[in-house]
Amino acid sequence: MTAQIATLTSPETLPLSPEAQSALGLRAGSRIAVTIEQGRVTLQPLELEDEEEDLDRLAGSLSSSPSMADELQKERAQEAKAKVDTIAAELRAMFAGEPSLEDEYFRDRDKDKW
């Protein structure tokens, strides 16, 4: 394969051409080992066995360090709560000053009385 030029689209993203992806056997979600030696970058797709070993190693480190797992869980819970709070605040602002659905229900119900 001849040399190809890739342009960073963001600090975390380096797109590879379809030809390069095909040559490496990559698909969406594929993991790649990146090695940098003497100014050269080497990309090597991780085999499924490598991924399973990585997951086993990660699971082992989390189980051996419950505080790390607890911290991660707390952090994710805080992020989720912050998102919910933001959405709730936006909804309150959108409907500020508007009658509630309950108020509308009673108003309409009173109109329909004979």
Protein backbone atom coordinates (compact mmCIF):
# COMPACT_ATOMS: atom_id res chain seq x y z
CA MET A 1 0.00 0.00 0.00
CA THR A 2 1.29 3.44 -0.85
CA ALA A 3 1.58 6.23 1.71
CA GLN A 4 -1.64 8.14 2.32
CA ILE A 5 -2.28 11.48 3.97
CA ALA A 6 -4.78 11.72 6.83
CA THR A 7 -5.90 14.97 8.46
CA LEU A 8 -6.81 15.31 12.14
CA THR A 9 -10.49 16.24 12.35
CA SER A 10 -10.20 16.88 16.10
CA PRO A 11 -7.46 16.28 18.69
CA GLU A 12 -8.80 12.77 19.31
CA THR A 13 -9.69 11.74 15.76
CA LEU A 14 -7.48 10.63 12.89
CA PRO A 15 -9.63 9.24 10.05
CA LEU A 16 -8.20 6.42 7.97
CA SER A 17 -9.16 5.97 4.35
CA PRO A 18 -11.46 3.06 3.47
CA GLU A 19 -8.49 1.37 1.77
CA ALA A 20 -6.38 1.57 4.95
CA GLN A 21 -9.27 0.31 7.07
CA SER A 22 -9.83 -2.58 4.69
CA ALA A 23 -6.12 -3.46 4.63
CA LEU A 24 -6.10 -3.58 8.45
CA GLY A 25 -9.41 -5.45 8.61
CA LEU A 26 -11.06 -2.68 10.64
CA ARG A 27 -14.76 -2.07 11.13
CA ALA A 28 -16.78 0.20 13.42
CA GLY A 29 -15.74 -0.47 17.01
CA SER A 30 -12.42 -2.10 16.11
CA ARG A 31 -9.58 -1.46 18.52
CA ILE A 32 -6.08 -0.64 17.35
CA ALA A 33 -2.76 -0.84 19.15
CA VAL A 34 -0.74 2.32 18.46
CA THR A 35 3.04 2.11 18.84
CA ILE A 36 5.31 5.14 18.53
CA GLU A 37 9.04 4.56 18.11
CA GLN A 38 11.61 7.05 16.87
CA GLY A 39 8.99 9.29 15.29
CA ARG A 40 7.21 6.43 13.51
CA VAL A 41 3.67 5.36 14.27
CA THR A 42 2.61 1.76 13.85
CA LEU A 43 -1.05 0.70 13.86
CA GLN A 44 -1.91 -2.89 14.61
CA PRO A 45 -5.48 -4.17 14.91
CA LEU A 46 -6.17 -6.02 18.14
CA GLU A 47 -7.47 -9.51 17.68
CA LEU A 48 -10.60 -10.62 19.51
CA GLU A 49 -8.45 -12.63 21.94
CA ASP A 50 -6.42 -9.48 22.70
CA GLU A 51 -9.65 -7.58 23.41
CA GLU A 52 -10.88 -10.35 25.70
CA GLU A 53 -7.56 -10.30 27.58
CA ASP A 54 -7.86 -6.52 27.95
CA LEU A 55 -11.39 -6.89 29.31
CA ASP A 56 -10.29 -9.64 31.72
CA ARG A 57 -7.39 -7.48 32.91
CA LEU A 58 -9.70 -4.49 33.38
CA ALA A 59 -12.29 -6.59 35.22
CA GLY A 60 -9.54 -7.98 37.46
CA SER A 61 -8.23 -4.53 38.29
CA LEU A 62 -11.73 -3.28 39.08
CA SER A 63 -12.54 -6.24 41.31
CA SER A 64 -9.19 -5.97 43.09
CA SER A 65 -9.83 -2.28 43.65
CA PRO A 66 -13.44 -1.85 44.72
CA SER A 67 -12.83 1.78 45.57
CA MET A 68 -11.93 2.43 41.93
CA ALA A 69 -15.16 0.78 40.75
CA ASP A 70 -17.13 2.69 43.38
CA GLU A 71 -15.53 5.97 42.30
CA LEU A 72 -16.37 5.28 38.66
CA GLN A 73 -19.96 4.44 39.56
CA LYS A 74 -20.30 7.59 41.70
CA GLU A 75 -18.81 9.72 38.94
CA ARG A 76 -21.25 8.35 36.36
CA ALA A 77 -24.18 8.83 38.74
CA GLN A 78 -23.15 12.45 39.30
CA GLU A 79 -22.89 13.04 35.56
CA ALA A 80 -26.34 11.52 35.01
CA LYS A 81 -27.84 13.61 37.82
CA ALA A 82 -26.29 16.77 36.38
CA LYS A 83 -27.80 16.01 32.96
CA VAL A 84 -31.24 15.36 34.48
CA ASP A 85 -31.03 18.58 36.52
CA THR A 86 -30.08 20.55 33.40
CA ILE A 87 -32.98 19.14 31.40
CA ALA A 88 -35.41 19.74 34.26
CA ALA A 89 -34.26 23.36 34.56
CA GLU A 90 -34.67 23.88 30.81
CA LEU A 91 -38.19 22.43 30.92
CA ARG A 92 -39.13 24.62 33.91
CA ALA A 93 -37.87 27.67 32.02
CA MET A 94 -39.82 26.70 28.89
CA PHE A 95 -43.09 26.39 30.78
CA ALA A 96 -42.61 29.18 33.31
CA GLY A 97 -45.80 31.22 33.65
CA GLU A 98 -47.87 28.71 31.71
CA PRO A 99 -50.84 27.00 33.37
CA SER A 100 -50.13 23.47 34.47
CA LEU A 101 -51.86 20.53 32.82
CA GLU A 102 -53.82 20.09 36.03
CA ASP A 103 -55.06 23.69 35.87
CA GLU A 104 -56.07 23.24 32.23
CA TYR A 105 -57.90 20.01 33.05
CA PHE A 106 -59.99 21.62 35.79
CA ARG A 107 -60.72 24.69 33.66
CA ASP A 108 -61.91 22.52 30.75
CA ARG A 109 -63.87 20.24 33.10
CA ASP A 110 -65.66 23.21 34.64
CA LYS A 111 -66.63 24.47 31.17
CA ASP A 112 -68.17 21.09 30.29
CA LYS A 113 -70.41 20.97 33.36
CA TRP A 114 -74.09 21.17 32.58
